[in-house]
């Protein structure tokens, strides 16, 4: 199944992987703020760094002048990260006011994201918070004195979703903050419950947490969940073998090959059998010790997103 990305999302992604001027893929040396969020194990991780113009007397008046990111992620992760950096730089935010940027702002900037990819925008907002916390420590600012409580780490407290190491405090925070009402909404936002599903209805699991949170709010008017900025995944009919192979080639040519060629490498399709793509890395990527990771975490992931979720990439 291919995801229905907006033209703006696709353009931001392509600009970033081609390293066009004004894009932000990279890392700031000796940054004023450094933060990470996510896990390489589950395939989504982001490192966020920023530099500030320091205020001569009041550190809370520091202005973020440059922001960069590194992400082990997909089209939406890269585009969301680009959006976050652009919003911050254009808005001349201080680290503290940058905390007002939420995942909805990133989704709006991208002109929508598929519901299953909302967690990519959440990842950027969380990495920003971690970087602001790091900046505050360096500038000797007590955020709690300013009434700011940086969100709890998703692994602190009782673990509810063991597949993605998501804790109950983190879940409760995100459910309230994002007005999540169903298990699929939780999975789309923070990935919890997206693997083995055992945490869905077990005692103390996702449904119990939802019931507890929203039963307490029964007497309060429900705030409608904004959905207009979330686009639905493309539900096109099954592709023929020929159409499938042409779509695979198109995605490789437009998305994957430019990323590999940037580092002196390339990709050759050897055979396609059903949903199995047999291929080999060439050029500088051929003998790389991280070749298997590149095939699984980058090539396979992008093909799953843009062609079919059942694709399996096999290196030969």
C-alpha atoms as a PDB file:
ATOM      1  CA  UNK A   1       0.000   0.000   0.000  1.00  0.00           C
ATOM      2  CA  UNK A   2       1.444   3.383  -1.012  1.00  0.00           C
ATOM      3  CA  UNK A   3       1.030   6.337   1.314  1.00  0.00           C
ATOM      4  CA  UNK A   4      -0.773   9.406   0.019  1.00  0.00           C
ATOM      5  CA  UNK A   5       1.724  12.152   0.834  1.00  0.00           C
ATOM      6  CA  UNK A   6       1.129  15.792   0.003  1.00  0.00           C
ATOM      7  CA  UNK A   7       3.261  17.345  -2.739  1.00  0.00           C
ATOM      8  CA  UNK A   8       4.908  19.539  -0.111  1.00  0.00           C
ATOM      9  CA  UNK A   9       5.907  16.501   1.969  1.00  0.00           C
ATOM     10  CA  UNK A  10       7.443  14.772  -1.048  1.00  0.00           C
ATOM     11  CA  UNK A  11       9.307  17.907  -2.129  1.00  0.00           C
ATOM     12  CA  UNK A  12      10.757  18.515   1.331  1.00  0.00           C
ATOM     13  CA  UNK A  13      11.963  14.924   1.440  1.00  0.00           C
ATOM     14  CA  UNK A  14      13.613  15.109  -1.984  1.00  0.00           C
ATOM     15  CA  UNK A  15      15.226  18.466  -1.245  1.00  0.00           C
ATOM     16  CA  UNK A  16      16.677  17.087   1.989  1.00  0.00           C
ATOM     17  CA  UNK A  17      18.149  13.881   0.533  1.00  0.00           C
ATOM     18  CA  UNK A  18      19.660  15.864  -2.345  1.00  0.00           C
ATOM     19  CA  UNK A  19      21.226  18.259   0.163  1.00  0.00           C
ATOM     20  CA  UNK A  20      19.755  21.360  -1.454  1.00  0.00           C
ATOM     21  CA  UNK A  21      20.646  24.751   0.072  1.00  0.00           C
ATOM     22  CA  UNK A  22      18.352  25.699   2.923  1.00  0.00           C
ATOM     23  CA  UNK A  23      17.694  22.108   4.038  1.00  0.00           C
ATOM     24  CA  UNK A  24      18.646  20.814   7.470  1.00  0.00           C
ATOM     25  CA  UNK A  25      19.756  17.184   7.252  1.00  0.00           C
ATOM     26  CA  UNK A  26      22.965  16.984   9.282  1.00  0.00           C
ATOM     27  CA  UNK A  27      24.353  17.745  12.710  1.00  0.00           C
ATOM     28  CA  UNK A  28      25.637  20.949  14.309  1.00  0.00           C
ATOM     29  CA  UNK A  29      29.117  20.671  15.774  1.00  0.00           C
ATOM     30  CA  UNK A  30      29.243  21.662  19.463  1.00  0.00           C
ATOM     31  CA  UNK A  31      25.529  22.550  19.561  1.00  0.00           C
ATOM     32  CA  UNK A  32      23.863  24.646  22.232  1.00  0.00           C
ATOM     33  CA  UNK A  33      21.022  22.114  22.373  1.00  0.00           C
ATOM     34  CA  UNK A  34      21.192  18.360  21.741  1.00  0.00           C
ATOM     35  CA  UNK A  35      18.308  15.897  21.945  1.00  0.00           C
ATOM     36  CA  UNK A  36      17.387  12.405  20.783  1.00  0.00           C
ATOM     37  CA  UNK A  37      14.123  10.516  20.563  1.00  0.00           C
ATOM     38  CA  UNK A  38      13.092   7.089  19.342  1.00  0.00           C
ATOM     39  CA  UNK A  39      14.917   3.827  18.869  1.00  0.00           C
ATOM     40  CA  UNK A  40      16.934   2.341  16.015  1.00  0.00           C
ATOM     41  CA  UNK A  41      15.511  -1.037  17.079  1.00  0.00           C
ATOM     42  CA  UNK A  42      11.966  -0.066  16.093  1.00  0.00           C
ATOM     43  CA  UNK A  43      13.151   1.803  13.018  1.00  0.00           C
ATOM     44  CA  UNK A  44      12.410   5.394  14.044  1.00  0.00           C
ATOM     45  CA  UNK A  45      15.020   7.579  15.680  1.00  0.00           C
ATOM     46  CA  UNK A  46      15.903  11.255  15.521  1.00  0.00           C
ATOM     47  CA  UNK A  47      18.770  13.419  16.738  1.00  0.00           C
ATOM     48  CA  UNK A  48      18.029  17.152  16.935  1.00  0.00           C
ATOM     49  CA  UNK A  49      20.635  19.887  17.439  1.00  0.00           C
ATOM     50  CA  UNK A  50      20.396  23.654  17.483  1.00  0.00           C
ATOM     51  CA  UNK A  51      22.561  26.741  17.882  1.00  0.00           C
ATOM     52  CA  UNK A  52      21.468  29.973  19.550  1.00  0.00           C
ATOM     53  CA  UNK A  53      22.405  33.613  19.492  1.00  0.00           C
ATOM     54  CA  UNK A  54      22.980  34.143  23.194  1.00  0.00           C
ATOM     55  CA  UNK A  55      21.308  37.030  24.961  1.00  0.00           C
ATOM     56  CA  UNK A  56      23.937  39.122  26.787  1.00  0.00           C
ATOM     57  CA  UNK A  57      22.095  39.198  30.125  1.00  0.00           C
ATOM     58  CA  UNK A  58      19.053  36.910  30.050  1.00  0.00           C
ATOM     59  CA  UNK A  59      19.612  33.319  28.820  1.00  0.00           C
ATOM     60  CA  UNK A  60      15.864  32.811  28.393  1.00  0.00           C
ATOM     61  CA  UNK A  61      16.140  35.374  25.572  1.00  0.00           C
ATOM     62  CA  UNK A  62      18.502  33.219  23.504  1.00  0.00           C
ATOM     63  CA  UNK A  63      17.286  32.941  19.888  1.00  0.00           C
ATOM     64  CA  UNK A  64      17.628  29.734  17.868  1.00  0.00           C
ATOM     65  CA  UNK A  65      19.484  30.663  14.671  1.00  0.00           C
ATOM     66  CA  UNK A  66      20.208  27.212  13.237  1.00  0.00           C
ATOM     67  CA  UNK A  67      18.608  23.769  13.597  1.00  0.00           C
ATOM     68  CA  UNK A  68      19.588  20.414  12.125  1.00  0.00           C
ATOM     69  CA  UNK A  69      18.550  16.781  12.454  1.00  0.00           C
ATOM     70  CA  UNK A  70      19.675  13.255  11.751  1.00  0.00           C
ATOM     71  CA  UNK A  71      16.951  10.657  11.423  1.00  0.00           C
ATOM     72  CA  UNK A  72      16.936   6.934  10.771  1.00  0.00           C
ATOM     73  CA  UNK A  73      13.511   7.157   9.266  1.00  0.00           C
ATOM     74  CA  UNK A  74      11.226   7.318   6.287  1.00  0.00           C
ATOM     75  CA  UNK A  75       9.816   9.942   3.936  1.00  0.00           C
ATOM     76  CA  UNK A  76       7.506  11.349   6.592  1.00  0.00           C
ATOM     77  CA  UNK A  77      10.225  11.339   9.279  1.00  0.00           C
ATOM     78  CA  UNK A  78      12.611  13.331   7.092  1.00  0.00           C
ATOM     79  CA  UNK A  79       9.902  15.721   5.885  1.00  0.00           C
ATOM     80  CA  UNK A  80       8.611  16.232   9.446  1.00  0.00           C
ATOM     81  CA  UNK A  81      12.128  17.009  10.643  1.00  0.00           C
ATOM     82  CA  UNK A  82      12.605  19.489   7.805  1.00  0.00           C
ATOM     83  CA  UNK A  83       9.313  21.130   8.696  1.00  0.00           C
ATOM     84  CA  UNK A  84      10.282  21.459  12.366  1.00  0.00           C
ATOM     85  CA  UNK A  85      13.650  23.079  11.580  1.00  0.00           C
ATOM     86  CA  UNK A  86      12.074  25.472   9.072  1.00  0.00           C
ATOM     87  CA  UNK A  87       9.326  26.531  11.473  1.00  0.00           C
ATOM     88  CA  UNK A  88      11.896  27.249  14.206  1.00  0.00           C
ATOM     89  CA  UNK A  89      14.336  29.192  12.032  1.00  0.00           C
ATOM     90  CA  UNK A  90      11.680  31.262  10.286  1.00  0.00           C
ATOM     91  CA  UNK A  91       9.867  32.037  13.528  1.00  0.00           C
ATOM     92  CA  UNK A  92      12.976  33.249  15.406  1.00  0.00           C
ATOM     93  CA  UNK A  93      11.989  31.152  18.400  1.00  0.00           C
ATOM     94  CA  UNK A  94      13.741  31.039  21.734  1.00  0.00           C
ATOM     95  CA  UNK A  95      14.264  27.484  23.010  1.00  0.00           C
ATOM     96  CA  UNK A  96      11.461  28.059  25.512  1.00  0.00           C
ATOM     97  CA  UNK A  97       8.940  29.425  23.005  1.00  0.00           C
ATOM     98  CA  UNK A  98       9.903  26.608  20.590  1.00  0.00           C
ATOM     99  CA  UNK A  99       8.284  24.232  23.085  1.00  0.00           C
ATOM    100  CA  UNK A 100       4.948  25.633  21.909  1.00  0.00           C
ATOM    101  CA  UNK A 101       5.492  23.897  18.562  1.00  0.00           C
ATOM    102  CA  UNK A 102       3.423  20.718  18.618  1.00  0.00           C
ATOM    103  CA  UNK A 103       3.064  17.837  16.212  1.00  0.00           C
ATOM    104  CA  UNK A 104      -0.125  19.394  14.776  1.00  0.00           C
ATOM    105  CA  UNK A 105       1.914  22.423  13.671  1.00  0.00           C
ATOM    106  CA  UNK A 106       4.290  20.102  11.818  1.00  0.00           C
ATOM    107  CA  UNK A 107       1.403  18.205  10.170  1.00  0.00           C
ATOM    108  CA  UNK A 108      -0.214  21.486   9.111  1.00  0.00           C
ATOM    109  CA  UNK A 109       3.085  22.716   7.643  1.00  0.00           C
ATOM    110  CA  UNK A 110       3.294  19.515   5.580  1.00  0.00           C
ATOM    111  CA  UNK A 111      -0.313  19.971   4.411  1.00  0.00           C
ATOM    112  CA  UNK A 112      -1.277  16.672   5.998  1.00  0.00           C
ATOM    113  CA  UNK A 113       0.204  13.281   6.815  1.00  0.00           C
ATOM    114  CA  UNK A 114      -1.315   9.803   6.542  1.00  0.00           C
ATOM    115  CA  UNK A 115      -2.823   8.837   9.888  1.00  0.00           C
ATOM    116  CA  UNK A 116      -0.355   5.961  10.237  1.00  0.00           C
ATOM    117  CA  UNK A 117       2.547   8.435   9.982  1.00  0.00           C
ATOM    118  CA  UNK A 118       1.525  10.946  12.658  1.00  0.00           C
ATOM    119  CA  UNK A 119       4.090   9.387  15.013  1.00  0.00           C
ATOM    120  CA  UNK A 120       6.836  10.897  12.818  1.00  0.00           C
ATOM    121  CA  UNK A 121       5.686  14.419  13.701  1.00  0.00           C
ATOM    122  CA  UNK A 122       5.486  13.423  17.378  1.00  0.00           C
ATOM    123  CA  UNK A 123       9.075  12.176  17.198  1.00  0.00           C
ATOM    124  CA  UNK A 124      10.294  15.612  16.071  1.00  0.00           C
ATOM    125  CA  UNK A 125       8.465  17.450  18.835  1.00  0.00           C
ATOM    126  CA  UNK A 126       9.872  15.036  21.439  1.00  0.00           C
ATOM    127  CA  UNK A 127      13.451  15.400  20.140  1.00  0.00           C
ATOM    128  CA  UNK A 128      13.038  19.179  20.328  1.00  0.00           C
ATOM    129  CA  UNK A 129      12.001  18.927  23.977  1.00  0.00           C
ATOM    130  CA  UNK A 130      15.073  16.834  24.770  1.00  0.00           C
ATOM    131  CA  UNK A 131      17.298  19.415  23.055  1.00  0.00           C
ATOM    132  CA  UNK A 132      15.691  22.289  24.981  1.00  0.00           C
ATOM    133  CA  UNK A 133      16.252  20.426  28.241  1.00  0.00           C
ATOM    134  CA  UNK A 134      19.925  20.017  27.301  1.00  0.00           C
ATOM    135  CA  UNK A 135      20.202  23.729  26.449  1.00  0.00           C
ATOM    136  CA  UNK A 136      18.622  24.692  29.791  1.00  0.00           C
ATOM    137  CA  UNK A 137      21.156  22.593  31.682  1.00  0.00           C
ATOM    138  CA  UNK A 138      24.034  24.259  29.841  1.00  0.00           C
ATOM    139  CA  UNK A 139      22.621  27.742  30.501  1.00  0.00           C
ATOM    140  CA  UNK A 140      21.808  26.913  34.154  1.00  0.00           C
ATOM    141  CA  UNK A 141      18.085  27.514  33.708  1.00  0.00           C
ATOM    142  CA  UNK A 142      15.625  25.751  35.991  1.00  0.00           C
ATOM    143  CA  UNK A 143      12.698  25.033  33.691  1.00  0.00           C
ATOM    144  CA  UNK A 144      10.439  24.042  36.567  1.00  0.00           C
ATOM    145  CA  UNK A 145      10.854  27.534  38.036  1.00  0.00           C
ATOM    146  CA  UNK A 146       9.396  28.797  34.760  1.00  0.00           C
ATOM    147  CA  UNK A 147       6.459  26.417  35.037  1.00  0.00           C
ATOM    148  CA  UNK A 148       7.799  24.124  32.331  1.00  0.00           C
ATOM    149  CA  UNK A 149       7.743  20.362  32.788  1.00  0.00           C
ATOM    150  CA  UNK A 150       9.549  18.592  29.993  1.00  0.00           C
ATOM    151  CA  UNK A 151       7.623  15.460  29.047  1.00  0.00           C
ATOM    152  CA  UNK A 152       8.540  12.248  30.772  1.00  0.00           C
ATOM    153  CA  UNK A 153      10.698   9.814  28.851  1.00  0.00           C
ATOM    154  CA  UNK A 154       8.586   7.118  27.230  1.00  0.00           C
ATOM    155  CA  UNK A 155      10.497   4.404  29.150  1.00  0.00           C
ATOM    156  CA  UNK A 156       9.971   5.898  32.620  1.00  0.00           C
ATOM    157  CA  UNK A 157       7.353   4.116  34.721  1.00  0.00           C
ATOM    158  CA  UNK A 158       5.437   0.889  34.143  1.00  0.00           C
ATOM    159  CA  UNK A 159       5.944  -0.390  30.599  1.00  0.00           C
ATOM    160  CA  UNK A 160       2.608  -0.986  28.871  1.00  0.00           C
ATOM    161  CA  UNK A 161       3.798  -1.717  25.331  1.00  0.00           C
ATOM    162  CA  UNK A 162       6.886  -3.932  25.581  1.00  0.00           C
ATOM    163  CA  UNK A 163       7.425  -4.085  21.820  1.00  0.00           C
ATOM    164  CA  UNK A 164       8.177  -0.353  21.681  1.00  0.00           C
ATOM    165  CA  UNK A 165       9.055   0.214  25.382  1.00  0.00           C
ATOM    166  CA  UNK A 166       6.277   2.759  25.967  1.00  0.00           C
ATOM    167  CA  UNK A 167       5.374   3.504  29.572  1.00  0.00           C
ATOM    168  CA  UNK A 168       2.065   4.315  31.250  1.00  0.00           C
ATOM    169  CA  UNK A 169       3.045   7.901  32.264  1.00  0.00           C
ATOM    170  CA  UNK A 170       4.073   8.695  28.708  1.00  0.00           C
ATOM    171  CA  UNK A 171       0.882   7.159  27.297  1.00  0.00           C
ATOM    172  CA  UNK A 172      -1.354   9.065  29.673  1.00  0.00           C
ATOM    173  CA  UNK A 173       0.425  12.286  28.782  1.00  0.00           C
ATOM    174  CA  UNK A 174       0.062  11.776  25.038  1.00  0.00           C
ATOM    175  CA  UNK A 175      -3.532  10.534  25.206  1.00  0.00           C
ATOM    176  CA  UNK A 176      -4.588  13.728  26.973  1.00  0.00           C
ATOM    177  CA  UNK A 177      -2.339  16.060  24.973  1.00  0.00           C
ATOM    178  CA  UNK A 178      -3.433  14.712  21.581  1.00  0.00           C
ATOM    179  CA  UNK A 179      -7.013  13.812  22.554  1.00  0.00           C
ATOM    180  CA  UNK A 180      -6.528  10.192  21.530  1.00  0.00           C
ATOM    181  CA  UNK A 181      -9.756   8.199  21.864  1.00  0.00           C
ATOM    182  CA  UNK A 182      -9.061   4.782  20.348  1.00  0.00           C
ATOM    183  CA  UNK A 183      -6.265   2.203  20.242  1.00  0.00           C
ATOM    184  CA  UNK A 184      -5.613   2.813  16.503  1.00  0.00           C
ATOM    185  CA  UNK A 185      -5.182   6.524  17.272  1.00  0.00           C
ATOM    186  CA  UNK A 186      -2.636   5.679  19.987  1.00  0.00           C
ATOM    187  CA  UNK A 187      -0.724   3.430  17.598  1.00  0.00           C
ATOM    188  CA  UNK A 188      -0.691   6.088  14.883  1.00  0.00           C
ATOM    189  CA  UNK A 189       0.567   8.722  17.320  1.00  0.00           C
ATOM    190  CA  UNK A 190       3.202   6.893  19.404  1.00  0.00           C
ATOM    191  CA  UNK A 191       3.378   3.369  17.842  1.00  0.00           C
ATOM    192  CA  UNK A 192       2.315   1.651  21.096  1.00  0.00           C
ATOM    193  CA  UNK A 193       0.281  -1.457  20.324  1.00  0.00           C
ATOM    194  CA  UNK A 194       1.493  -1.602  16.741  1.00  0.00           C
ATOM    195  CA  UNK A 195       3.366  -4.906  16.901  1.00  0.00           C
ATOM    196  CA  UNK A 196       2.155  -7.978  18.812  1.00  0.00           C
ATOM    197  CA  UNK A 197      -1.072  -6.221  20.026  1.00  0.00           C
ATOM    198  CA  UNK A 198      -1.008  -8.061  23.377  1.00  0.00           C
ATOM    199  CA  UNK A 199      -1.173  -4.732  25.225  1.00  0.00           C
ATOM    200  CA  UNK A 200      -4.471  -3.747  23.595  1.00  0.00           C
ATOM    201  CA  UNK A 201      -6.900  -5.390  26.012  1.00  0.00           C
ATOM    202  CA  UNK A 202      -4.805  -6.940  28.765  1.00  0.00           C
ATOM    203  CA  UNK A 203      -5.396  -5.666  32.350  1.00  0.00           C
ATOM    204  CA  UNK A 204      -3.788  -2.258  32.618  1.00  0.00           C
ATOM    205  CA  UNK A 205      -3.348  -2.136  28.838  1.00  0.00           C
ATOM    206  CA  UNK A 206      -4.236   0.496  26.281  1.00  0.00           C
ATOM    207  CA  UNK A 207      -8.007   0.111  26.463  1.00  0.00           C
ATOM    208  CA  UNK A 208      -8.005   0.217  30.282  1.00  0.00           C
ATOM    209  CA  UNK A 209      -5.927   3.403  30.220  1.00  0.00           C
ATOM    210  CA  UNK A 210      -8.264   4.989  27.662  1.00  0.00           C
ATOM    211  CA  UNK A 211     -11.329   4.029  29.700  1.00  0.00           C
ATOM    212  CA  UNK A 212      -9.800   5.427  32.890  1.00  0.00           C
ATOM    213  CA  UNK A 213      -8.744   8.740  31.351  1.00  0.00           C
ATOM    214  CA  UNK A 214     -11.936   9.513  29.481  1.00  0.00           C
ATOM    215  CA  UNK A 215     -14.344   8.171  32.104  1.00  0.00           C
ATOM    216  CA  UNK A 216     -12.926  10.864  34.395  1.00  0.00           C
ATOM    217  CA  UNK A 217     -13.793  13.463  31.775  1.00  0.00           C
ATOM    218  CA  UNK A 218     -17.399  12.340  31.247  1.00  0.00           C
ATOM    219  CA  UNK A 219     -18.774  15.492  32.805  1.00  0.00           C
ATOM    220  CA  UNK A 220     -16.614  17.720  30.608  1.00  0.00           C
ATOM    221  CA  UNK A 221     -17.579  18.621  27.026  1.00  0.00           C
ATOM    222  CA  UNK A 222     -15.560  16.563  24.554  1.00  0.00           C
ATOM    223  CA  UNK A 223     -13.170  18.484  22.350  1.00  0.00           C
ATOM    224  CA  UNK A 224     -13.522  17.274  18.772  1.00  0.00           C
ATOM    225  CA  UNK A 225     -10.342  15.688  17.477  1.00  0.00           C
ATOM    226  CA  UNK A 226      -8.976  17.654  14.506  1.00  0.00           C
ATOM    227  CA  UNK A 227      -8.776  15.384  11.502  1.00  0.00           C
ATOM    228  CA  UNK A 228      -8.816  17.735   8.558  1.00  0.00           C
ATOM    229  CA  UNK A 229      -5.022  17.808   8.296  1.00  0.00           C
ATOM    230  CA  UNK A 230      -4.647  14.027   8.227  1.00  0.00           C
ATOM    231  CA  UNK A 231      -4.870  12.420   4.842  1.00  0.00           C
ATOM    232  CA  UNK A 232      -5.885   8.820   4.345  1.00  0.00           C
ATOM    233  CA  UNK A 233      -3.534   6.207   2.960  1.00  0.00           C
ATOM    234  CA  UNK A 234      -4.083   5.365  -0.681  1.00  0.00           C
ATOM    235  CA  UNK A 235      -6.413   2.389  -1.013  1.00  0.00           C
ATOM    236  CA  UNK A 236      -5.748   1.657  -4.654  1.00  0.00           C
ATOM    237  CA  UNK A 237      -6.481  -1.783  -6.020  1.00  0.00           C
ATOM    238  CA  UNK A 238      -3.867  -4.541  -6.159  1.00  0.00           C
ATOM    239  CA  UNK A 239      -1.159  -3.876  -8.735  1.00  0.00           C
ATOM    240  CA  UNK A 240      -0.419  -6.360 -11.507  1.00  0.00           C
ATOM    241  CA  UNK A 241       3.102  -7.893 -11.446  1.00  0.00           C
ATOM    242  CA  UNK A 242       4.156  -5.518 -14.229  1.00  0.00           C
ATOM    243  CA  UNK A 243       2.676  -2.459 -12.493  1.00  0.00           C
ATOM    244  CA  UNK A 244       4.242  -3.579  -9.207  1.00  0.00           C
ATOM    245  CA  UNK A 245       7.721  -3.863 -10.726  1.00  0.00           C
ATOM    246  CA  UNK A 246       7.419  -0.495 -12.477  1.00  0.00           C
ATOM    247  CA  UNK A 247       6.303   1.148  -9.226  1.00  0.00           C
ATOM    248  CA  UNK A 248       9.266  -0.402  -7.384  1.00  0.00           C
ATOM    249  CA  UNK A 249      11.650   0.916 -10.051  1.00  0.00           C
ATOM    250  CA  UNK A 250      10.052   4.373  -9.902  1.00  0.00           C
ATOM    251  CA  UNK A 251      10.412   4.632  -6.124  1.00  0.00           C
ATOM    252  CA  UNK A 252      14.015   3.418  -6.263  1.00  0.00           C
ATOM    253  CA  UNK A 253      14.866   5.957  -8.977  1.00  0.00           C
ATOM    254  CA  UNK A 254      13.116   8.898  -7.290  1.00  0.00           C
ATOM    255  CA  UNK A 255      13.729   8.238  -3.587  1.00  0.00           C
ATOM    256  CA  UNK A 256      16.356   5.591  -2.869  1.00  0.00           C
ATOM    257  CA  UNK A 257      18.981   5.942  -5.603  1.00  0.00           C
ATOM    258  CA  UNK A 258      19.620   9.679  -4.942  1.00  0.00           C
ATOM    259  CA  UNK A 259      20.302   8.911  -1.272  1.00  0.00           C
ATOM    260  CA  UNK A 260      22.776   6.143  -2.126  1.00  0.00           C
ATOM    261  CA  UNK A 261      24.483   8.085  -4.899  1.00  0.00           C
ATOM    262  CA  UNK A 262      25.089  10.951  -2.515  1.00  0.00           C
ATOM    263  CA  UNK A 263      27.549   8.630  -0.718  1.00  0.00           C
ATOM    264  CA  UNK A 264      28.976   7.128  -3.925  1.00  0.00           C
ATOM    265  CA  UNK A 265      26.769   4.040  -3.935  1.00  0.00           C
ATOM    266  CA  UNK A 266      23.868   2.666  -5.943  1.00  0.00           C
ATOM    267  CA  UNK A 267      21.327  -0.167  -6.051  1.00  0.00           C
ATOM    268  CA  UNK A 268      20.687  -2.837  -8.677  1.00  0.00           C
ATOM    269  CA  UNK A 269      17.466  -4.886  -8.858  1.00  0.00           C
ATOM    270  CA  UNK A 270      18.352  -8.502  -9.624  1.00  0.00           C
ATOM    271  CA  UNK A 271      14.895 -10.092  -9.527  1.00  0.00           C
ATOM    272  CA  UNK A 272      11.367  -9.603  -8.238  1.00  0.00           C
ATOM    273  CA  UNK A 273       9.340 -12.610  -7.084  1.00  0.00           C
ATOM    274  CA  UNK A 274       5.957 -11.701  -5.701  1.00  0.00           C
ATOM    275  CA  UNK A 275       6.598  -9.164  -2.956  1.00  0.00           C
ATOM    276  CA  UNK A 276      10.255 -10.187  -2.558  1.00  0.00           C
ATOM    277  CA  UNK A 277      12.770  -7.770  -4.078  1.00  0.00           C
ATOM    278  CA  UNK A 278      16.193  -9.306  -4.694  1.00  0.00           C
ATOM    279  CA  UNK A 279      18.816  -6.601  -5.047  1.00  0.00           C
ATOM    280  CA  UNK A 280      22.424  -5.723  -4.409  1.00  0.00           C
ATOM    281  CA  UNK A 281      24.199  -2.571  -3.354  1.00  0.00           C
ATOM    282  CA  UNK A 282      26.889  -1.344  -5.730  1.00  0.00           C
ATOM    283  CA  UNK A 283      29.632   1.273  -5.735  1.00  0.00           C
ATOM    284  CA  UNK A 284      30.803   2.523  -2.350  1.00  0.00           C
ATOM    285  CA  UNK A 285      27.861   0.783  -0.645  1.00  0.00           C
ATOM    286  CA  UNK A 286      28.820  -2.686  -1.895  1.00  0.00           C
ATOM    287  CA  UNK A 287      31.409  -3.479   0.754  1.00  0.00           C
ATOM    288  CA  UNK A 288      29.976  -1.359   3.545  1.00  0.00           C
ATOM    289  CA  UNK A 289      29.679  -3.091   6.919  1.00  0.00           C
ATOM    290  CA  UNK A 290      26.257  -1.478   7.317  1.00  0.00           C
ATOM    291  CA  UNK A 291      24.932  -2.814   3.987  1.00  0.00           C
ATOM    292  CA  UNK A 292      22.304  -5.069   5.594  1.00  0.00           C
ATOM    293  CA  UNK A 293      21.068  -2.213   7.777  1.00  0.00           C
ATOM    294  CA  UNK A 294      20.832   0.041   4.707  1.00  0.00           C
ATOM    295  CA  UNK A 295      18.756  -2.560   2.859  1.00  0.00           C
ATOM    296  CA  UNK A 296      16.410  -3.193   5.763  1.00  0.00           C
ATOM    297  CA  UNK A 297      16.095   0.202   7.445  1.00  0.00           C
ATOM    298  CA  UNK A 298      16.239   2.410   4.365  1.00  0.00           C
ATOM    299  CA  UNK A 299      15.539   0.547   1.112  1.00  0.00           C
ATOM    300  CA  UNK A 300      12.878  -1.856   2.423  1.00  0.00           C
ATOM    301  CA  UNK A 301      11.245   0.776   4.583  1.00  0.00           C
ATOM    302  CA  UNK A 302      10.861   3.298   1.752  1.00  0.00           C
ATOM    303  CA  UNK A 303       9.503   0.623  -0.611  1.00  0.00           C
ATOM    304  CA  UNK A 304       6.995  -0.504   2.017  1.00  0.00           C
ATOM    305  CA  UNK A 305       5.805   3.055   2.467  1.00  0.00           C
ATOM    306  CA  UNK A 306       5.483   3.967  -1.170  1.00  0.00           C
ATOM    307  CA  UNK A 307       4.562   0.668  -2.853  1.00  0.00           C
ATOM    308  CA  UNK A 308       3.350  -2.161  -0.589  1.00  0.00           C
ATOM    309  CA  UNK A 309       3.647  -2.926   3.131  1.00  0.00           C
ATOM    310  CA  UNK A 310       4.333  -6.617   2.415  1.00  0.00           C
ATOM    311  CA  UNK A 311       7.558  -6.006   0.481  1.00  0.00           C
ATOM    312  CA  UNK A 312      10.639  -7.875   1.649  1.00  0.00           C
ATOM    313  CA  UNK A 313      14.057  -6.736   0.404  1.00  0.00           C
ATOM    314  CA  UNK A 314      16.641  -9.513   0.136  1.00  0.00           C
ATOM    315  CA  UNK A 315      20.296  -8.675  -0.474  1.00  0.00           C
ATOM    316  CA  UNK A 316      22.370 -10.954  -2.662  1.00  0.00           C
END
